[in-house]
Amino acid sequence: MKISQVTMRYLNLARILWALLTLSAIVATYADTASRGPVLPLNFFGYFTIQSNLVVVIVGLIAGLMGLAKGAAVPRWVVGLRALACVCMVVVGLIYITLLAPLGAAGGVPLPWANWVMHIFGPLVVLGDWLLDKERGFLPYSAVFPILIYPLLWTGVVLVRGATDGWVPYPFLSPDQGYGVIALYVFCIAVLFAGIALLVLAYGRRGRHRDVQLEIR
């Protein structure tokens, strides 16, 4: 069943509003951190949570504004960006709930309301947006590879920084616990990313003829 133009308009407006709220949470977190001492931007923006929510801001504004201008006929690369944002935010939510919250770790977001926006509501909103929007173009399963480029690059940078200047964004990536343990965490997270990416793509392809193949452009 197709979504009405009015509903799509509200959906795109909601994307823009959520992007602005997320940006406000990031700015507020930066200001709150700076109020307690000097902030090194390289560290602040090194958190996967912060980076993923910045992706939500950028993608939300692009998808929302282009959606308002073009309706359902947005380019497939916008769909690809939305898939990336969805995968990243679902992982953010799962890792926070399973690895960070039990340790009492804020994951780079010590401000309570901003923490809820970026760690809890953000994943739910972005996932809900992907599930509700039935008007998007669909992506091939091979799109999982470009989706994984960003988290793999982020992991590589974190491992290099952990081995050099000793800074890591999350305790489960600390070199102090040994690289065997870190390798296990990285492997599990990589599997988690790949699995969620495949599920996101599969949901986007539901009801489509399997012989039709589209490429991100």
Protein backbone atom coordinates (compact mmCIF):
# COMPACT_ATOMS: atom_id res chain seq x y z
CA MET A 1 0.00 0.00 0.00
CA LYS A 2 1.43 3.35 -1.03
CA ILE A 3 1.89 6.14 1.47
CA SER A 4 -0.10 9.30 0.76
CA GLN A 5 1.72 12.48 -0.20
CA VAL A 6 0.51 14.15 2.98
CA THR A 7 1.94 11.35 5.11
CA MET A 8 5.24 11.50 3.21
CA ARG A 9 5.38 15.25 3.81
CA TYR A 10 4.96 14.77 7.55
CA LEU A 11 7.54 11.97 7.51
CA ASN A 12 10.08 14.20 5.81
CA LEU A 13 9.35 17.05 8.21
CA ALA A 14 9.86 14.61 11.09
CA ARG A 15 13.27 13.63 9.65
CA ILE A 16 14.33 17.27 9.57
CA LEU A 17 13.08 17.94 13.11
CA TRP A 18 14.83 14.84 14.47
CA ALA A 19 18.04 15.84 12.70
CA LEU A 20 17.88 19.25 14.38
CA LEU A 21 17.14 17.71 17.80
CA THR A 22 20.07 15.33 17.37
CA LEU A 23 22.33 18.22 16.41
CA SER A 24 21.18 20.06 19.53
CA ALA A 25 22.06 17.01 21.64
CA ILE A 26 25.56 16.87 20.13
CA VAL A 27 26.16 20.60 20.67
CA ALA A 28 24.81 20.41 24.23
CA THR A 29 27.06 17.43 24.98
CA TYR A 30 30.09 19.29 23.66
CA ALA A 31 29.22 22.37 25.73
CA ASP A 32 28.60 20.27 28.85
CA THR A 33 31.94 18.49 28.41
CA ALA A 34 33.73 21.80 27.81
CA SER A 35 32.22 23.24 31.00
CA ARG A 36 34.20 20.70 33.03
CA GLY A 37 37.54 21.22 31.30
CA PRO A 38 39.31 21.49 27.93
CA VAL A 39 37.85 19.39 25.14
CA LEU A 40 40.03 17.74 22.52
CA PRO A 41 37.83 17.61 19.40
CA LEU A 42 39.72 14.57 18.11
CA ASN A 43 38.60 12.66 21.17
CA PHE A 44 35.07 14.05 21.39
CA PHE A 45 34.31 13.26 17.77
CA GLY A 46 36.13 9.93 18.03
CA TYR A 47 33.15 8.28 19.69
CA PHE A 48 31.14 6.11 17.33
CA THR A 49 27.97 7.38 18.99
CA ILE A 50 28.81 10.99 18.20
CA GLN A 51 29.85 10.18 14.63
CA SER A 52 26.79 8.03 13.96
CA ASN A 53 24.48 10.74 15.27
CA LEU A 54 26.24 13.26 13.04
CA VAL A 55 25.45 10.88 10.18
CA VAL A 56 21.81 10.98 11.31
CA VAL A 57 21.89 14.79 11.25
CA ILE A 58 23.35 14.93 7.73
CA VAL A 59 21.20 12.13 6.31
CA GLY A 60 18.05 13.38 8.03
CA LEU A 61 18.45 16.85 6.54
CA ILE A 62 19.33 15.52 3.08
CA ALA A 63 16.52 12.93 3.00
CA GLY A 64 13.98 15.30 4.55
CA LEU A 65 14.69 18.27 2.30
CA MET A 66 14.99 16.17 -0.87
CA GLY A 67 11.85 14.28 0.10
CA LEU A 68 9.90 17.51 0.46
CA ALA A 69 11.20 18.69 -2.91
CA LYS A 70 10.86 15.45 -4.88
CA GLY A 71 8.40 13.31 -2.97
CA ALA A 72 9.21 9.60 -3.24
CA ALA A 73 11.48 10.10 -6.26
CA VAL A 74 14.70 10.65 -4.29
CA PRO A 75 18.01 9.33 -5.70
CA ARG A 76 19.07 5.84 -4.69
CA TRP A 77 22.23 7.18 -3.06
CA VAL A 78 19.97 8.87 -0.51
CA VAL A 79 18.41 5.48 0.22
CA GLY A 80 21.92 4.11 0.65
CA LEU A 81 22.75 6.85 3.17
CA ARG A 82 19.55 6.12 5.07
CA ALA A 83 20.49 2.43 5.19
CA LEU A 84 23.94 3.37 6.57
CA ALA A 85 22.39 5.61 9.23
CA CYS A 86 19.94 2.87 10.20
CA VAL A 87 22.64 0.21 10.55
CA CYS A 88 24.95 2.49 12.55
CA MET A 89 22.23 3.63 14.94
CA VAL A 90 20.90 0.13 15.58
CA VAL A 91 24.46 -0.94 16.47
CA VAL A 92 24.83 2.14 18.69
CA GLY A 93 21.69 1.18 20.60
CA LEU A 94 22.60 -2.49 20.95
CA ILE A 95 26.18 -1.85 22.09
CA TYR A 96 25.04 0.78 24.57
CA ILE A 97 22.43 -1.51 26.11
CA THR A 98 24.63 -4.62 26.21
CA LEU A 99 28.18 -3.32 26.83
CA LEU A 100 28.13 0.27 28.10
CA ALA A 101 25.01 0.75 30.23
CA PRO A 102 25.79 -2.28 32.46
CA LEU A 103 29.21 -0.71 33.21
CA GLY A 104 27.66 2.67 33.95
CA ALA A 105 29.59 4.11 31.00
CA ALA A 106 28.07 7.14 29.28
CA GLY A 107 29.71 6.33 25.95
CA GLY A 108 30.80 9.93 25.46
CA VAL A 109 27.36 11.37 26.29
CA PRO A 110 27.27 12.28 30.01
CA LEU A 111 24.35 14.71 29.63
CA PRO A 112 21.25 12.62 30.53
CA TRP A 113 18.70 13.95 28.00
CA ALA A 114 21.29 13.96 25.20
CA ASN A 115 22.27 10.43 26.15
CA TRP A 116 18.65 9.32 25.69
CA VAL A 117 18.43 11.11 22.34
CA MET A 118 21.63 9.59 20.95
CA HIS A 119 21.68 6.15 22.57
CA ILE A 120 18.03 5.19 23.04
CA PHE A 121 15.52 7.26 21.08
CA GLY A 122 17.86 7.82 18.12
CA PRO A 123 18.18 4.12 17.22
CA LEU A 124 14.43 3.62 17.65
CA VAL A 125 13.49 6.65 15.55
CA VAL A 126 15.90 5.87 12.70
CA LEU A 127 14.87 2.21 12.65
CA GLY A 128 11.20 3.19 12.74
CA ASP A 129 11.75 5.56 9.83
CA TRP A 130 13.28 2.74 7.77
CA LEU A 131 10.46 0.35 8.63
CA LEU A 132 7.64 2.81 7.95
CA ASP A 133 8.81 4.33 4.66
CA LYS A 134 7.52 2.01 1.94
CA GLU A 135 8.17 4.46 -0.89
CA ARG A 136 11.97 4.18 -1.04
CA GLY A 137 13.91 2.49 -3.82
CA PHE A 138 15.52 -0.78 -2.82
CA LEU A 139 19.19 -1.73 -2.70
CA PRO A 140 21.07 -4.89 -3.72
CA TYR A 141 22.62 -7.11 -1.06
CA SER A 142 26.03 -6.08 -2.35
CA ALA A 143 25.34 -2.67 -0.74
CA VAL A 144 26.42 -4.28 2.53
CA PHE A 145 30.06 -3.77 1.50
CA PRO A 146 30.00 0.04 1.13
CA ILE A 147 27.93 0.21 4.34
CA LEU A 148 30.70 -1.64 6.21
CA ILE A 149 33.47 0.68 4.96
CA TYR A 150 32.75 3.38 7.54
CA PRO A 151 32.66 1.18 10.69
CA LEU A 152 35.77 -0.70 9.52
CA LEU A 153 37.66 2.56 9.02
CA TRP A 154 36.50 3.81 12.42
CA THR A 155 37.67 0.59 14.09
CA GLY A 156 41.05 0.79 12.38
CA VAL A 157 41.59 4.38 13.55
CA VAL A 158 40.59 3.47 17.12
CA LEU A 159 42.99 0.52 17.22
CA VAL A 160 45.86 2.68 15.94
CA ARG A 161 45.11 5.38 18.50
CA GLY A 162 44.85 2.82 21.28
CA ALA A 163 48.29 1.44 20.37
CA THR A 164 49.89 4.90 20.05
CA ASP A 165 48.45 7.59 22.30
CA GLY A 166 46.45 5.16 24.44
CA TRP A 167 43.05 6.83 23.90
CA VAL A 168 40.06 4.61 23.18
CA PRO A 169 36.42 5.70 23.16
CA TYR A 170 35.01 2.62 24.86
CA PRO A 171 36.42 0.39 27.63
CA PHE A 172 35.93 -2.85 25.69
CA LEU A 173 38.51 -1.60 23.14
CA SER A 174 41.17 -0.75 25.73
CA PRO A 175 44.62 -2.29 24.99
CA ASP A 176 44.95 -3.02 28.72
CA GLN A 177 42.76 -6.11 28.36
CA GLY A 178 44.98 -7.59 25.64
CA TYR A 179 44.63 -7.64 21.88
CA GLY A 180 43.21 -11.16 21.91
CA VAL A 181 40.17 -9.90 23.80
CA ILE A 182 39.97 -6.81 21.57
CA ALA A 183 40.13 -9.00 18.46
CA LEU A 184 37.20 -11.03 19.78
CA TYR A 185 35.16 -7.88 20.40
CA VAL A 186 36.03 -6.50 16.97
CA PHE A 187 35.05 -9.76 15.29
CA CYS A 188 31.72 -9.90 17.13
CA ILE A 189 30.97 -6.27 16.31
CA ALA A 190 31.88 -6.83 12.64
CA VAL A 191 29.50 -9.80 12.51
CA LEU A 192 26.84 -7.68 14.22
CA PHE A 193 27.30 -4.91 11.65
CA ALA A 194 27.14 -7.29 8.71
CA GLY A 195 24.10 -9.10 10.09
CA ILE A 196 22.15 -5.91 10.78
CA ALA A 197 23.11 -4.49 7.38
CA LEU A 198 21.79 -7.61 5.65
CA LEU A 199 18.55 -7.45 7.65
CA VAL A 200 18.10 -3.76 6.81
CA LEU A 201 18.67 -4.43 3.11
CA ALA A 202 16.42 -7.49 3.18
CA TYR A 203 13.58 -5.49 4.71
CA GLY A 204 14.03 -2.80 2.08
CA ARG A 205 13.78 -5.43 -0.67
CA ARG A 206 10.70 -7.21 0.62
CA GLY A 207 8.00 -7.73 -2.00
CA ARG A 208 10.37 -7.00 -4.89
CA HIS A 209 11.10 -9.35 -7.76
CA ARG A 210 14.42 -11.03 -7.01
CA ASP A 211 15.65 -10.64 -10.59
CA VAL A 212 15.58 -6.84 -10.39
CA GLN A 213 18.96 -5.42 -9.45
CA LEU A 214 19.68 -1.77 -8.65
CA GLU A 215 22.95 -0.11 -7.82
CA ILE A 216 23.75 2.77 -5.47
CA ARG A 217 24.78 5.72 -7.54
